[in-house]
């Protein structure tokens, strides 16, 4: 495993946002949803493609807070432009479990 220094870690903007819209993403090669995530007034709303269909339905995701990287450059994924990376953990079966706070925090809060 490569080690990083504190300055490297400080460059990563890991922020909390609330999923405000979930759509199917039939054009994705691997099953995914299109998400709109509200990161509060400072950052605003960002779009993301998330391969989380194994464990979550659209109804499960709406209103859920998630941890995301908000300072990657946008990435073209098929017909959509993803603006943030929603984070999670792979289980042994490959399904992704979302990283999220234990209790609600303000949208835009940065990981401490």
C-alpha atoms as a PDB file:
ATOM      1  CA  UNK A   1       0.000   0.000   0.000  1.00  0.00           C
ATOM      2  CA  UNK A   2       1.333   3.414  -0.942  1.00  0.00           C
ATOM      3  CA  UNK A   3       1.427   5.935   1.886  1.00  0.00           C
ATOM      4  CA  UNK A   4       0.426   9.576   1.497  1.00  0.00           C
ATOM      5  CA  UNK A   5       1.168  12.604   3.609  1.00  0.00           C
ATOM      6  CA  UNK A   6      -1.317  14.855   5.370  1.00  0.00           C
ATOM      7  CA  UNK A   7      -1.165  17.480   2.617  1.00  0.00           C
ATOM      8  CA  UNK A   8      -2.258  14.830   0.066  1.00  0.00           C
ATOM      9  CA  UNK A   9      -5.261  13.883   2.208  1.00  0.00           C
ATOM     10  CA  UNK A  10      -6.261  17.522   2.687  1.00  0.00           C
ATOM     11  CA  UNK A  11      -6.639  17.890  -1.087  1.00  0.00           C
ATOM     12  CA  UNK A  12      -9.517  15.389  -1.165  1.00  0.00           C
ATOM     13  CA  UNK A  13     -12.881  17.086  -0.590  1.00  0.00           C
ATOM     14  CA  UNK A  14     -15.003  14.366   1.045  1.00  0.00           C
ATOM     15  CA  UNK A  15     -18.383  15.945   1.725  1.00  0.00           C
ATOM     16  CA  UNK A  16     -21.845  14.899   2.871  1.00  0.00           C
ATOM     17  CA  UNK A  17     -24.757  15.354   0.520  1.00  0.00           C
ATOM     18  CA  UNK A  18     -28.382  14.287   0.359  1.00  0.00           C
ATOM     19  CA  UNK A  19     -29.663  12.366  -2.658  1.00  0.00           C
ATOM     20  CA  UNK A  20     -32.526  14.428  -4.073  1.00  0.00           C
ATOM     21  CA  UNK A  21     -33.151  12.586  -7.357  1.00  0.00           C
ATOM     22  CA  UNK A  22     -32.619   9.000  -8.548  1.00  0.00           C
ATOM     23  CA  UNK A  23     -33.111   7.770 -12.112  1.00  0.00           C
ATOM     24  CA  UNK A  24     -32.426   4.507 -13.892  1.00  0.00           C
ATOM     25  CA  UNK A  25     -29.324   4.556 -16.113  1.00  0.00           C
ATOM     26  CA  UNK A  26     -30.099   1.998 -18.836  1.00  0.00           C
ATOM     27  CA  UNK A  27     -27.158   3.136 -21.002  1.00  0.00           C
ATOM     28  CA  UNK A  28     -24.597   2.128 -18.337  1.00  0.00           C
ATOM     29  CA  UNK A  29     -22.504  -0.975 -19.117  1.00  0.00           C
ATOM     30  CA  UNK A  30     -22.751  -2.073 -15.473  1.00  0.00           C
ATOM     31  CA  UNK A  31     -26.152  -1.526 -13.801  1.00  0.00           C
ATOM     32  CA  UNK A  32     -26.196   1.921 -12.185  1.00  0.00           C
ATOM     33  CA  UNK A  33     -28.384   4.807 -11.114  1.00  0.00           C
ATOM     34  CA  UNK A  34     -28.107   8.471 -12.063  1.00  0.00           C
ATOM     35  CA  UNK A  35     -28.100  10.528  -8.878  1.00  0.00           C
ATOM     36  CA  UNK A  36     -28.464  14.204  -8.066  1.00  0.00           C
ATOM     37  CA  UNK A  37     -26.888  15.010  -4.710  1.00  0.00           C
ATOM     38  CA  UNK A  38     -27.388  18.254  -2.769  1.00  0.00           C
ATOM     39  CA  UNK A  39     -24.162  19.394  -1.053  1.00  0.00           C
ATOM     40  CA  UNK A  40     -25.595  22.633   0.356  1.00  0.00           C
ATOM     41  CA  UNK A  41     -25.204  26.277  -0.638  1.00  0.00           C
ATOM     42  CA  UNK A  42     -21.405  26.350  -0.994  1.00  0.00           C
ATOM     43  CA  UNK A  43     -21.124  23.406  -3.426  1.00  0.00           C
ATOM     44  CA  UNK A  44     -24.660  23.025  -4.765  1.00  0.00           C
ATOM     45  CA  UNK A  45     -26.170  20.048  -6.566  1.00  0.00           C
ATOM     46  CA  UNK A  46     -23.923  17.577  -8.381  1.00  0.00           C
ATOM     47  CA  UNK A  47     -24.702  14.584 -10.599  1.00  0.00           C
ATOM     48  CA  UNK A  48     -23.190  11.138 -10.194  1.00  0.00           C
ATOM     49  CA  UNK A  49     -23.441   7.677 -11.690  1.00  0.00           C
ATOM     50  CA  UNK A  50     -23.445   5.017  -8.974  1.00  0.00           C
ATOM     51  CA  UNK A  51     -23.198   1.244  -9.398  1.00  0.00           C
ATOM     52  CA  UNK A  52     -25.294   0.510  -6.316  1.00  0.00           C
ATOM     53  CA  UNK A  53     -28.296  -1.296  -7.797  1.00  0.00           C
ATOM     54  CA  UNK A  54     -27.533  -4.621  -6.054  1.00  0.00           C
ATOM     55  CA  UNK A  55     -28.467  -3.395  -2.575  1.00  0.00           C
ATOM     56  CA  UNK A  56     -30.514  -0.224  -3.096  1.00  0.00           C
ATOM     57  CA  UNK A  57     -33.732   0.707  -4.854  1.00  0.00           C
ATOM     58  CA  UNK A  58     -34.559   4.204  -6.051  1.00  0.00           C
ATOM     59  CA  UNK A  59     -36.928   4.603  -3.093  1.00  0.00           C
ATOM     60  CA  UNK A  60     -34.177   3.502  -0.645  1.00  0.00           C
ATOM     61  CA  UNK A  61     -31.820   6.178  -1.948  1.00  0.00           C
ATOM     62  CA  UNK A  62     -34.075   9.224  -2.105  1.00  0.00           C
ATOM     63  CA  UNK A  63     -33.355  11.462   0.892  1.00  0.00           C
ATOM     64  CA  UNK A  64     -30.345   9.413   2.056  1.00  0.00           C
ATOM     65  CA  UNK A  65     -27.137  11.191   3.015  1.00  0.00           C
ATOM     66  CA  UNK A  66     -23.944   9.918   1.377  1.00  0.00           C
ATOM     67  CA  UNK A  67     -20.224  10.665   1.522  1.00  0.00           C
ATOM     68  CA  UNK A  68     -18.770  11.788  -1.815  1.00  0.00           C
ATOM     69  CA  UNK A  69     -15.610  13.205  -3.349  1.00  0.00           C
ATOM     70  CA  UNK A  70     -16.647  16.553  -4.831  1.00  0.00           C
ATOM     71  CA  UNK A  71     -13.363  17.842  -6.279  1.00  0.00           C
ATOM     72  CA  UNK A  72     -12.579  15.282  -8.987  1.00  0.00           C
ATOM     73  CA  UNK A  73     -12.857  16.679 -12.521  1.00  0.00           C
ATOM     74  CA  UNK A  74     -16.133  15.757 -14.248  1.00  0.00           C
ATOM     75  CA  UNK A  75     -16.076  12.360 -15.973  1.00  0.00           C
ATOM     76  CA  UNK A  76     -18.120  11.404 -19.028  1.00  0.00           C
ATOM     77  CA  UNK A  77     -19.976   8.140 -18.385  1.00  0.00           C
ATOM     78  CA  UNK A  78     -21.968   7.258 -21.462  1.00  0.00           C
ATOM     79  CA  UNK A  79     -24.436  10.077 -22.126  1.00  0.00           C
ATOM     80  CA  UNK A  80     -24.023  11.700 -18.678  1.00  0.00           C
ATOM     81  CA  UNK A  81     -21.306  13.801 -17.078  1.00  0.00           C
ATOM     82  CA  UNK A  82     -20.582  12.629 -13.529  1.00  0.00           C
ATOM     83  CA  UNK A  83     -19.533  15.497 -11.236  1.00  0.00           C
ATOM     84  CA  UNK A  84     -18.815  13.677  -7.969  1.00  0.00           C
ATOM     85  CA  UNK A  85     -17.892  10.210  -6.710  1.00  0.00           C
ATOM     86  CA  UNK A  86     -20.307   8.676  -4.204  1.00  0.00           C
ATOM     87  CA  UNK A  87     -18.257   6.412  -1.937  1.00  0.00           C
ATOM     88  CA  UNK A  88     -18.900   2.930  -0.626  1.00  0.00           C
ATOM     89  CA  UNK A  89     -17.344  -0.399   0.266  1.00  0.00           C
ATOM     90  CA  UNK A  90     -17.320  -3.595  -1.819  1.00  0.00           C
ATOM     91  CA  UNK A  91     -18.625  -6.693  -0.112  1.00  0.00           C
ATOM     92  CA  UNK A  92     -17.177 -10.109  -0.973  1.00  0.00           C
ATOM     93  CA  UNK A  93     -19.995 -10.650  -3.481  1.00  0.00           C
ATOM     94  CA  UNK A  94     -19.112  -7.375  -5.254  1.00  0.00           C
ATOM     95  CA  UNK A  95     -22.135  -5.391  -4.068  1.00  0.00           C
ATOM     96  CA  UNK A  96     -21.406  -1.841  -2.885  1.00  0.00           C
ATOM     97  CA  UNK A  97     -22.477  -0.645   0.575  1.00  0.00           C
ATOM     98  CA  UNK A  98     -22.685   3.153   0.712  1.00  0.00           C
ATOM     99  CA  UNK A  99     -20.478   5.169   3.078  1.00  0.00           C
ATOM    100  CA  UNK A 100     -22.726   7.453   5.094  1.00  0.00           C
ATOM    101  CA  UNK A 101     -22.843   9.216   8.450  1.00  0.00           C
ATOM    102  CA  UNK A 102     -24.264   7.506  11.521  1.00  0.00           C
ATOM    103  CA  UNK A 103     -26.637  10.433  12.028  1.00  0.00           C
ATOM    104  CA  UNK A 104     -27.687  13.418   9.908  1.00  0.00           C
ATOM    105  CA  UNK A 105     -25.183  16.230   9.411  1.00  0.00           C
ATOM    106  CA  UNK A 106     -25.515  19.445   7.378  1.00  0.00           C
ATOM    107  CA  UNK A 107     -25.163  19.030   3.610  1.00  0.00           C
ATOM    108  CA  UNK A 108     -21.672  20.068   2.562  1.00  0.00           C
ATOM    109  CA  UNK A 109     -20.025  19.046   5.859  1.00  0.00           C
ATOM    110  CA  UNK A 110     -16.460  17.924   5.224  1.00  0.00           C
ATOM    111  CA  UNK A 111     -15.039  14.675   6.561  1.00  0.00           C
ATOM    112  CA  UNK A 112     -12.939  15.541   9.603  1.00  0.00           C
END
